[in-house]
């Protein structure tokens, strides 16, 4: 059973994050991003980052923002990577829940596999639509560049998320939480924040070595 206070905290966190995403989306209608894919990245980031993501957008994402230092550019790149992962993770969780799919009798393993596959698909797509306009690449060149630029960073993101999912599954909640429960998504918010943190060094390395562009 989820304690009443935790359920209330979960609902509050989801509502606040939703409001932050709405504020970002409204601002993006007025002031769209030069790179079109970032019009998706910032609201998705706010869905798990909440007020911190809203602050990041105001500081690093708006046209009026000051020129970013390197660490800020890495943070934007990490949020770009994370947005594709988050979209894939959310879709995978609902698909697994509503289809009842289970691999090797393990719900957690099923979530890991499903989340990673869809996170990879959406992560590469997000990177493709960022890297092709910057480098003016053909479809094949853009796809190869996207895979090269995003595989390490999205894997690092999923490592942070999956580690927290395992803690939630084995330590914090028995029986396992379901996607129909607010606390499930509150735990996912925490995991996604950890994923952002674990992907940051990977994005730093990829940008420093010239494999990935500063966003």
C-alpha atoms as a PDB file:
ATOM      1  CA  UNK A   1       0.000   0.000   0.000  1.00  0.00           C
ATOM      2  CA  UNK A   2       1.193   3.504  -0.841  1.00  0.00           C
ATOM      3  CA  UNK A   3       0.980   5.809   2.216  1.00  0.00           C
ATOM      4  CA  UNK A   4      -1.534   8.627   1.857  1.00  0.00           C
ATOM      5  CA  UNK A   5       1.166  11.290   2.280  1.00  0.00           C
ATOM      6  CA  UNK A   6       3.264   9.758  -0.502  1.00  0.00           C
ATOM      7  CA  UNK A   7       0.290   9.526  -2.816  1.00  0.00           C
ATOM      8  CA  UNK A   8      -0.482  13.200  -2.139  1.00  0.00           C
ATOM      9  CA  UNK A   9       3.158  14.162  -2.712  1.00  0.00           C
ATOM     10  CA  UNK A  10       3.164  12.196  -5.955  1.00  0.00           C
ATOM     11  CA  UNK A  11       0.039  13.928  -7.235  1.00  0.00           C
ATOM     12  CA  UNK A  12       1.464  17.317  -6.274  1.00  0.00           C
ATOM     13  CA  UNK A  13       4.751  16.601  -8.047  1.00  0.00           C
ATOM     14  CA  UNK A  14       2.992  15.484 -11.218  1.00  0.00           C
ATOM     15  CA  UNK A  15       0.656  18.498 -11.206  1.00  0.00           C
ATOM     16  CA  UNK A  16       3.510  20.964 -10.655  1.00  0.00           C
ATOM     17  CA  UNK A  17       5.564  19.337 -13.410  1.00  0.00           C
ATOM     18  CA  UNK A  18       2.572  19.436 -15.740  1.00  0.00           C
ATOM     19  CA  UNK A  19       2.090  23.129 -15.043  1.00  0.00           C
ATOM     20  CA  UNK A  20       5.786  23.797 -15.677  1.00  0.00           C
ATOM     21  CA  UNK A  21       5.560  21.918 -18.991  1.00  0.00           C
ATOM     22  CA  UNK A  22       2.480  23.946 -19.928  1.00  0.00           C
ATOM     23  CA  UNK A  23       4.254  27.226 -19.150  1.00  0.00           C
ATOM     24  CA  UNK A  24       7.205  26.190 -21.291  1.00  0.00           C
ATOM     25  CA  UNK A  25       4.924  25.099 -24.144  1.00  0.00           C
ATOM     26  CA  UNK A  26       3.010  28.387 -24.042  1.00  0.00           C
ATOM     27  CA  UNK A  27       6.255  30.353 -24.165  1.00  0.00           C
ATOM     28  CA  UNK A  28       7.465  28.227 -27.076  1.00  0.00           C
ATOM     29  CA  UNK A  29       4.352  29.090 -29.065  1.00  0.00           C
ATOM     30  CA  UNK A  30       5.335  32.742 -28.705  1.00  0.00           C
ATOM     31  CA  UNK A  31       9.063  32.188 -29.115  1.00  0.00           C
ATOM     32  CA  UNK A  32       9.756  28.943 -30.982  1.00  0.00           C
ATOM     33  CA  UNK A  33      13.227  27.465 -30.865  1.00  0.00           C
ATOM     34  CA  UNK A  34      15.603  27.918 -33.824  1.00  0.00           C
ATOM     35  CA  UNK A  35      16.095  24.134 -33.750  1.00  0.00           C
ATOM     36  CA  UNK A  36      12.578  22.712 -34.150  1.00  0.00           C
ATOM     37  CA  UNK A  37      13.145  19.531 -32.131  1.00  0.00           C
ATOM     38  CA  UNK A  38      13.865  21.631 -29.034  1.00  0.00           C
ATOM     39  CA  UNK A  39      10.206  22.735 -29.066  1.00  0.00           C
ATOM     40  CA  UNK A  40       9.532  19.155 -27.935  1.00  0.00           C
ATOM     41  CA  UNK A  41      12.573  18.748 -25.725  1.00  0.00           C
ATOM     42  CA  UNK A  42      11.881  21.554 -23.265  1.00  0.00           C
ATOM     43  CA  UNK A  43       8.264  20.647 -22.350  1.00  0.00           C
ATOM     44  CA  UNK A  44       9.172  16.954 -22.030  1.00  0.00           C
ATOM     45  CA  UNK A  45      12.095  17.860 -19.781  1.00  0.00           C
ATOM     46  CA  UNK A  46       9.730  19.881 -17.599  1.00  0.00           C
ATOM     47  CA  UNK A  47       7.450  16.855 -17.198  1.00  0.00           C
ATOM     48  CA  UNK A  48      10.080  15.186 -15.040  1.00  0.00           C
ATOM     49  CA  UNK A  49      12.294  18.115 -14.044  1.00  0.00           C
ATOM     50  CA  UNK A  50       9.475  20.402 -12.924  1.00  0.00           C
ATOM     51  CA  UNK A  51      10.573  23.800 -11.565  1.00  0.00           C
ATOM     52  CA  UNK A  52      14.264  23.006 -12.118  1.00  0.00           C
ATOM     53  CA  UNK A  53      13.591  22.335 -15.804  1.00  0.00           C
ATOM     54  CA  UNK A  54      11.542  25.530 -15.996  1.00  0.00           C
ATOM     55  CA  UNK A  55      14.517  27.427 -14.568  1.00  0.00           C
ATOM     56  CA  UNK A  56      16.851  25.700 -17.040  1.00  0.00           C
ATOM     57  CA  UNK A  57      14.611  26.710 -19.923  1.00  0.00           C
ATOM     58  CA  UNK A  58      14.490  30.317 -18.750  1.00  0.00           C
ATOM     59  CA  UNK A  59      18.256  30.401 -18.235  1.00  0.00           C
ATOM     60  CA  UNK A  60      19.442  28.347 -21.202  1.00  0.00           C
ATOM     61  CA  UNK A  61      16.618  27.849 -23.664  1.00  0.00           C
ATOM     62  CA  UNK A  62      14.895  31.180 -24.349  1.00  0.00           C
ATOM     63  CA  UNK A  63      16.197  33.418 -27.167  1.00  0.00           C
ATOM     64  CA  UNK A  64      16.855  36.130 -24.581  1.00  0.00           C
ATOM     65  CA  UNK A  65      19.072  33.775 -22.565  1.00  0.00           C
ATOM     66  CA  UNK A  66      22.662  34.765 -22.164  1.00  0.00           C
ATOM     67  CA  UNK A  67      25.268  32.922 -24.204  1.00  0.00           C
ATOM     68  CA  UNK A  68      25.776  29.537 -22.596  1.00  0.00           C
ATOM     69  CA  UNK A  69      28.978  28.450 -20.921  1.00  0.00           C
ATOM     70  CA  UNK A  70      30.197  24.996 -21.871  1.00  0.00           C
ATOM     71  CA  UNK A  71      28.563  23.351 -18.865  1.00  0.00           C
ATOM     72  CA  UNK A  72      25.243  24.928 -19.884  1.00  0.00           C
ATOM     73  CA  UNK A  73      25.555  23.582 -23.401  1.00  0.00           C
ATOM     74  CA  UNK A  74      26.214  20.128 -21.979  1.00  0.00           C
ATOM     75  CA  UNK A  75      23.107  20.443 -19.802  1.00  0.00           C
ATOM     76  CA  UNK A  76      20.994  21.312 -22.843  1.00  0.00           C
ATOM     77  CA  UNK A  77      22.461  18.339 -24.713  1.00  0.00           C
ATOM     78  CA  UNK A  78      21.678  16.067 -21.774  1.00  0.00           C
ATOM     79  CA  UNK A  79      18.102  17.349 -21.674  1.00  0.00           C
ATOM     80  CA  UNK A  80      17.805  16.767 -25.425  1.00  0.00           C
ATOM     81  CA  UNK A  81      18.991  13.185 -25.011  1.00  0.00           C
ATOM     82  CA  UNK A  82      16.775  12.712 -21.973  1.00  0.00           C
ATOM     83  CA  UNK A  83      13.635  13.932 -23.729  1.00  0.00           C
ATOM     84  CA  UNK A  84      13.825  11.207 -26.353  1.00  0.00           C
ATOM     85  CA  UNK A  85      14.487   8.621 -23.666  1.00  0.00           C
ATOM     86  CA  UNK A  86      11.601   9.841 -21.514  1.00  0.00           C
ATOM     87  CA  UNK A  87       9.144   9.740 -24.405  1.00  0.00           C
ATOM     88  CA  UNK A  88      10.171   6.171 -25.199  1.00  0.00           C
ATOM     89  CA  UNK A  89      10.061   5.139 -21.545  1.00  0.00           C
ATOM     90  CA  UNK A  90       6.537   6.502 -20.997  1.00  0.00           C
ATOM     91  CA  UNK A  91       5.132   4.843 -24.111  1.00  0.00           C
ATOM     92  CA  UNK A  92       6.846   1.532 -23.291  1.00  0.00           C
ATOM     93  CA  UNK A  93       5.492   1.475 -19.737  1.00  0.00           C
ATOM     94  CA  UNK A  94       1.911   1.898 -20.918  1.00  0.00           C
ATOM     95  CA  UNK A  95       2.311  -0.639 -23.734  1.00  0.00           C
ATOM     96  CA  UNK A  96       3.718  -3.233 -21.334  1.00  0.00           C
ATOM     97  CA  UNK A  97       1.011  -2.576 -18.761  1.00  0.00           C
ATOM     98  CA  UNK A  98      -1.956  -2.716 -21.133  1.00  0.00           C
ATOM     99  CA  UNK A  99      -0.687  -5.695 -23.160  1.00  0.00           C
ATOM    100  CA  UNK A 100       0.419  -7.695 -20.127  1.00  0.00           C
ATOM    101  CA  UNK A 101       3.681  -8.559 -21.875  1.00  0.00           C
ATOM    102  CA  UNK A 102       6.204 -10.354 -19.662  1.00  0.00           C
ATOM    103  CA  UNK A 103       9.689 -11.592 -20.545  1.00  0.00           C
ATOM    104  CA  UNK A 104      11.100 -14.596 -18.656  1.00  0.00           C
ATOM    105  CA  UNK A 105       8.512 -14.098 -15.919  1.00  0.00           C
ATOM    106  CA  UNK A 106      10.034 -10.786 -14.810  1.00  0.00           C
ATOM    107  CA  UNK A 107       8.079  -7.551 -14.995  1.00  0.00           C
ATOM    108  CA  UNK A 108      11.160  -5.450 -14.221  1.00  0.00           C
ATOM    109  CA  UNK A 109      13.207  -7.120 -16.966  1.00  0.00           C
ATOM    110  CA  UNK A 110      10.335  -6.541 -19.377  1.00  0.00           C
ATOM    111  CA  UNK A 111      10.273  -2.868 -18.451  1.00  0.00           C
ATOM    112  CA  UNK A 112      14.041  -2.603 -18.875  1.00  0.00           C
ATOM    113  CA  UNK A 113      13.940  -4.155 -22.349  1.00  0.00           C
ATOM    114  CA  UNK A 114      10.852  -2.282 -23.538  1.00  0.00           C
ATOM    115  CA  UNK A 115      11.996   1.028 -22.111  1.00  0.00           C
ATOM    116  CA  UNK A 116      15.461   0.756 -23.625  1.00  0.00           C
ATOM    117  CA  UNK A 117      14.210  -0.214 -27.083  1.00  0.00           C
ATOM    118  CA  UNK A 118      11.737   2.647 -27.354  1.00  0.00           C
ATOM    119  CA  UNK A 119      14.095   5.085 -25.632  1.00  0.00           C
ATOM    120  CA  UNK A 120      16.708   4.161 -28.230  1.00  0.00           C
ATOM    121  CA  UNK A 121      14.269   4.655 -31.115  1.00  0.00           C
ATOM    122  CA  UNK A 122      13.066   8.042 -29.899  1.00  0.00           C
ATOM    123  CA  UNK A 123      16.507   9.093 -28.695  1.00  0.00           C
ATOM    124  CA  UNK A 124      18.056   8.460 -32.097  1.00  0.00           C
ATOM    125  CA  UNK A 125      15.129  10.229 -33.785  1.00  0.00           C
ATOM    126  CA  UNK A 126      15.566  13.286 -31.567  1.00  0.00           C
ATOM    127  CA  UNK A 127      19.294  13.327 -32.274  1.00  0.00           C
ATOM    128  CA  UNK A 128      18.715  12.882 -35.999  1.00  0.00           C
ATOM    129  CA  UNK A 129      16.448  15.924 -36.162  1.00  0.00           C
ATOM    130  CA  UNK A 130      19.043  17.934 -34.269  1.00  0.00           C
ATOM    131  CA  UNK A 131      22.192  16.861 -36.062  1.00  0.00           C
ATOM    132  CA  UNK A 132      20.974  16.846 -39.679  1.00  0.00           C
ATOM    133  CA  UNK A 133      20.044  20.570 -39.796  1.00  0.00           C
ATOM    134  CA  UNK A 134      23.322  21.510 -38.077  1.00  0.00           C
ATOM    135  CA  UNK A 135      25.544  19.483 -40.401  1.00  0.00           C
ATOM    136  CA  UNK A 136      23.344  19.410 -43.546  1.00  0.00           C
ATOM    137  CA  UNK A 137      23.573  15.628 -43.848  1.00  0.00           C
ATOM    138  CA  UNK A 138      21.756  13.139 -46.035  1.00  0.00           C
ATOM    139  CA  UNK A 139      19.362  10.633 -44.441  1.00  0.00           C
ATOM    140  CA  UNK A 140      21.938   7.851 -44.210  1.00  0.00           C
ATOM    141  CA  UNK A 141      24.697  10.132 -42.987  1.00  0.00           C
ATOM    142  CA  UNK A 142      22.356  11.715 -40.465  1.00  0.00           C
ATOM    143  CA  UNK A 143      21.207   8.360 -39.118  1.00  0.00           C
ATOM    144  CA  UNK A 144      24.772   7.112 -38.673  1.00  0.00           C
ATOM    145  CA  UNK A 145      25.802  10.361 -37.007  1.00  0.00           C
ATOM    146  CA  UNK A 146      22.771  10.229 -34.690  1.00  0.00           C
ATOM    147  CA  UNK A 147      23.542   6.665 -33.622  1.00  0.00           C
ATOM    148  CA  UNK A 148      27.166   7.562 -32.998  1.00  0.00           C
ATOM    149  CA  UNK A 149      26.290  10.719 -31.059  1.00  0.00           C
ATOM    150  CA  UNK A 150      23.439   9.415 -28.919  1.00  0.00           C
ATOM    151  CA  UNK A 151      24.011   5.742 -28.111  1.00  0.00           C
ATOM    152  CA  UNK A 152      26.375   6.370 -25.199  1.00  0.00           C
ATOM    153  CA  UNK A 153      24.402   9.283 -23.738  1.00  0.00           C
ATOM    154  CA  UNK A 154      20.998   7.563 -23.910  1.00  0.00           C
ATOM    155  CA  UNK A 155      22.483   4.387 -22.427  1.00  0.00           C
ATOM    156  CA  UNK A 156      23.928   6.462 -19.594  1.00  0.00           C
ATOM    157  CA  UNK A 157      20.507   8.049 -19.055  1.00  0.00           C
ATOM    158  CA  UNK A 158      18.824   4.655 -18.885  1.00  0.00           C
ATOM    159  CA  UNK A 159      21.431   3.379 -16.415  1.00  0.00           C
ATOM    160  CA  UNK A 160      20.446   6.102 -13.952  1.00  0.00           C
ATOM    161  CA  UNK A 161      16.745   5.488 -14.505  1.00  0.00           C
ATOM    162  CA  UNK A 162      16.999   1.701 -14.357  1.00  0.00           C
ATOM    163  CA  UNK A 163      19.049   1.801 -11.171  1.00  0.00           C
ATOM    164  CA  UNK A 164      16.291   3.759  -9.438  1.00  0.00           C
ATOM    165  CA  UNK A 165      13.593   1.522 -10.927  1.00  0.00           C
ATOM    166  CA  UNK A 166      15.379  -1.473  -9.407  1.00  0.00           C
ATOM    167  CA  UNK A 167      15.504   0.221  -6.003  1.00  0.00           C
ATOM    168  CA  UNK A 168      11.797   1.029  -6.253  1.00  0.00           C
ATOM    169  CA  UNK A 169      10.966  -2.511  -7.379  1.00  0.00           C
ATOM    170  CA  UNK A 170      13.062  -4.520  -4.928  1.00  0.00           C
ATOM    171  CA  UNK A 171      13.381  -2.233  -1.907  1.00  0.00           C
ATOM    172  CA  UNK A 172      10.720   0.468  -1.680  1.00  0.00           C
ATOM    173  CA  UNK A 173       7.502  -1.066  -2.962  1.00  0.00           C
ATOM    174  CA  UNK A 174       6.104  -4.551  -2.655  1.00  0.00           C
ATOM    175  CA  UNK A 175       3.981  -5.324  -4.572  1.00  0.00           C
ATOM    176  CA  UNK A 176       5.265  -3.473  -7.604  1.00  0.00           C
ATOM    177  CA  UNK A 177       3.687  -0.126  -8.452  1.00  0.00           C
ATOM    178  CA  UNK A 178       1.520   0.130 -11.575  1.00  0.00           C
ATOM    179  CA  UNK A 179       1.436   2.939 -14.200  1.00  0.00           C
ATOM    180  CA  UNK A 180      -2.124   3.730 -13.090  1.00  0.00           C
ATOM    181  CA  UNK A 181      -0.781   4.936  -9.727  1.00  0.00           C
ATOM    182  CA  UNK A 182       0.564   8.503  -9.286  1.00  0.00           C
ATOM    183  CA  UNK A 183       3.423   7.212  -7.141  1.00  0.00           C
ATOM    184  CA  UNK A 184       4.647   5.064 -10.039  1.00  0.00           C
ATOM    185  CA  UNK A 185       5.196   8.204 -12.115  1.00  0.00           C
ATOM    186  CA  UNK A 186       6.626  10.109  -9.166  1.00  0.00           C
ATOM    187  CA  UNK A 187       9.236   7.367  -8.835  1.00  0.00           C
ATOM    188  CA  UNK A 188       9.831   7.608 -12.586  1.00  0.00           C
ATOM    189  CA  UNK A 189      10.329  11.370 -12.254  1.00  0.00           C
ATOM    190  CA  UNK A 190      13.045  10.730  -9.677  1.00  0.00           C
ATOM    191  CA  UNK A 191      14.603   8.067 -11.899  1.00  0.00           C
ATOM    192  CA  UNK A 192      14.579  10.372 -14.913  1.00  0.00           C
ATOM    193  CA  UNK A 193      16.290  13.112 -12.920  1.00  0.00           C
ATOM    194  CA  UNK A 194      18.954  10.566 -11.953  1.00  0.00           C
ATOM    195  CA  UNK A 195      19.155   9.594 -15.622  1.00  0.00           C
ATOM    196  CA  UNK A 196      19.848  13.211 -16.529  1.00  0.00           C
ATOM    197  CA  UNK A 197      22.641  13.259 -13.933  1.00  0.00           C
ATOM    198  CA  UNK A 198      24.237  10.015 -15.183  1.00  0.00           C
ATOM    199  CA  UNK A 199      24.003  11.148 -18.811  1.00  0.00           C
ATOM    200  CA  UNK A 200      25.691  14.487 -18.143  1.00  0.00           C
ATOM    201  CA  UNK A 201      29.286  13.114 -18.058  1.00  0.00           C
ATOM    202  CA  UNK A 202      28.605  11.099 -21.211  1.00  0.00           C
ATOM    203  CA  UNK A 203      27.393  14.214 -23.029  1.00  0.00           C
ATOM    204  CA  UNK A 204      30.400  16.146 -21.752  1.00  0.00           C
ATOM    205  CA  UNK A 205      32.729  13.505 -23.197  1.00  0.00           C
ATOM    206  CA  UNK A 206      30.885  13.259 -26.519  1.00  0.00           C
ATOM    207  CA  UNK A 207      30.981  17.026 -27.007  1.00  0.00           C
ATOM    208  CA  UNK A 208      34.624  17.353 -25.952  1.00  0.00           C
ATOM    209  CA  UNK A 209      35.638  14.679 -28.466  1.00  0.00           C
ATOM    210  CA  UNK A 210      33.597  16.281 -31.259  1.00  0.00           C
ATOM    211  CA  UNK A 211      31.230  13.346 -31.654  1.00  0.00           C
ATOM    212  CA  UNK A 212      28.239  15.402 -30.518  1.00  0.00           C
ATOM    213  CA  UNK A 213      27.386  19.041 -31.137  1.00  0.00           C
ATOM    214  CA  UNK A 214      26.808  21.581 -28.380  1.00  0.00           C
ATOM    215  CA  UNK A 215      23.069  22.257 -28.339  1.00  0.00           C
END
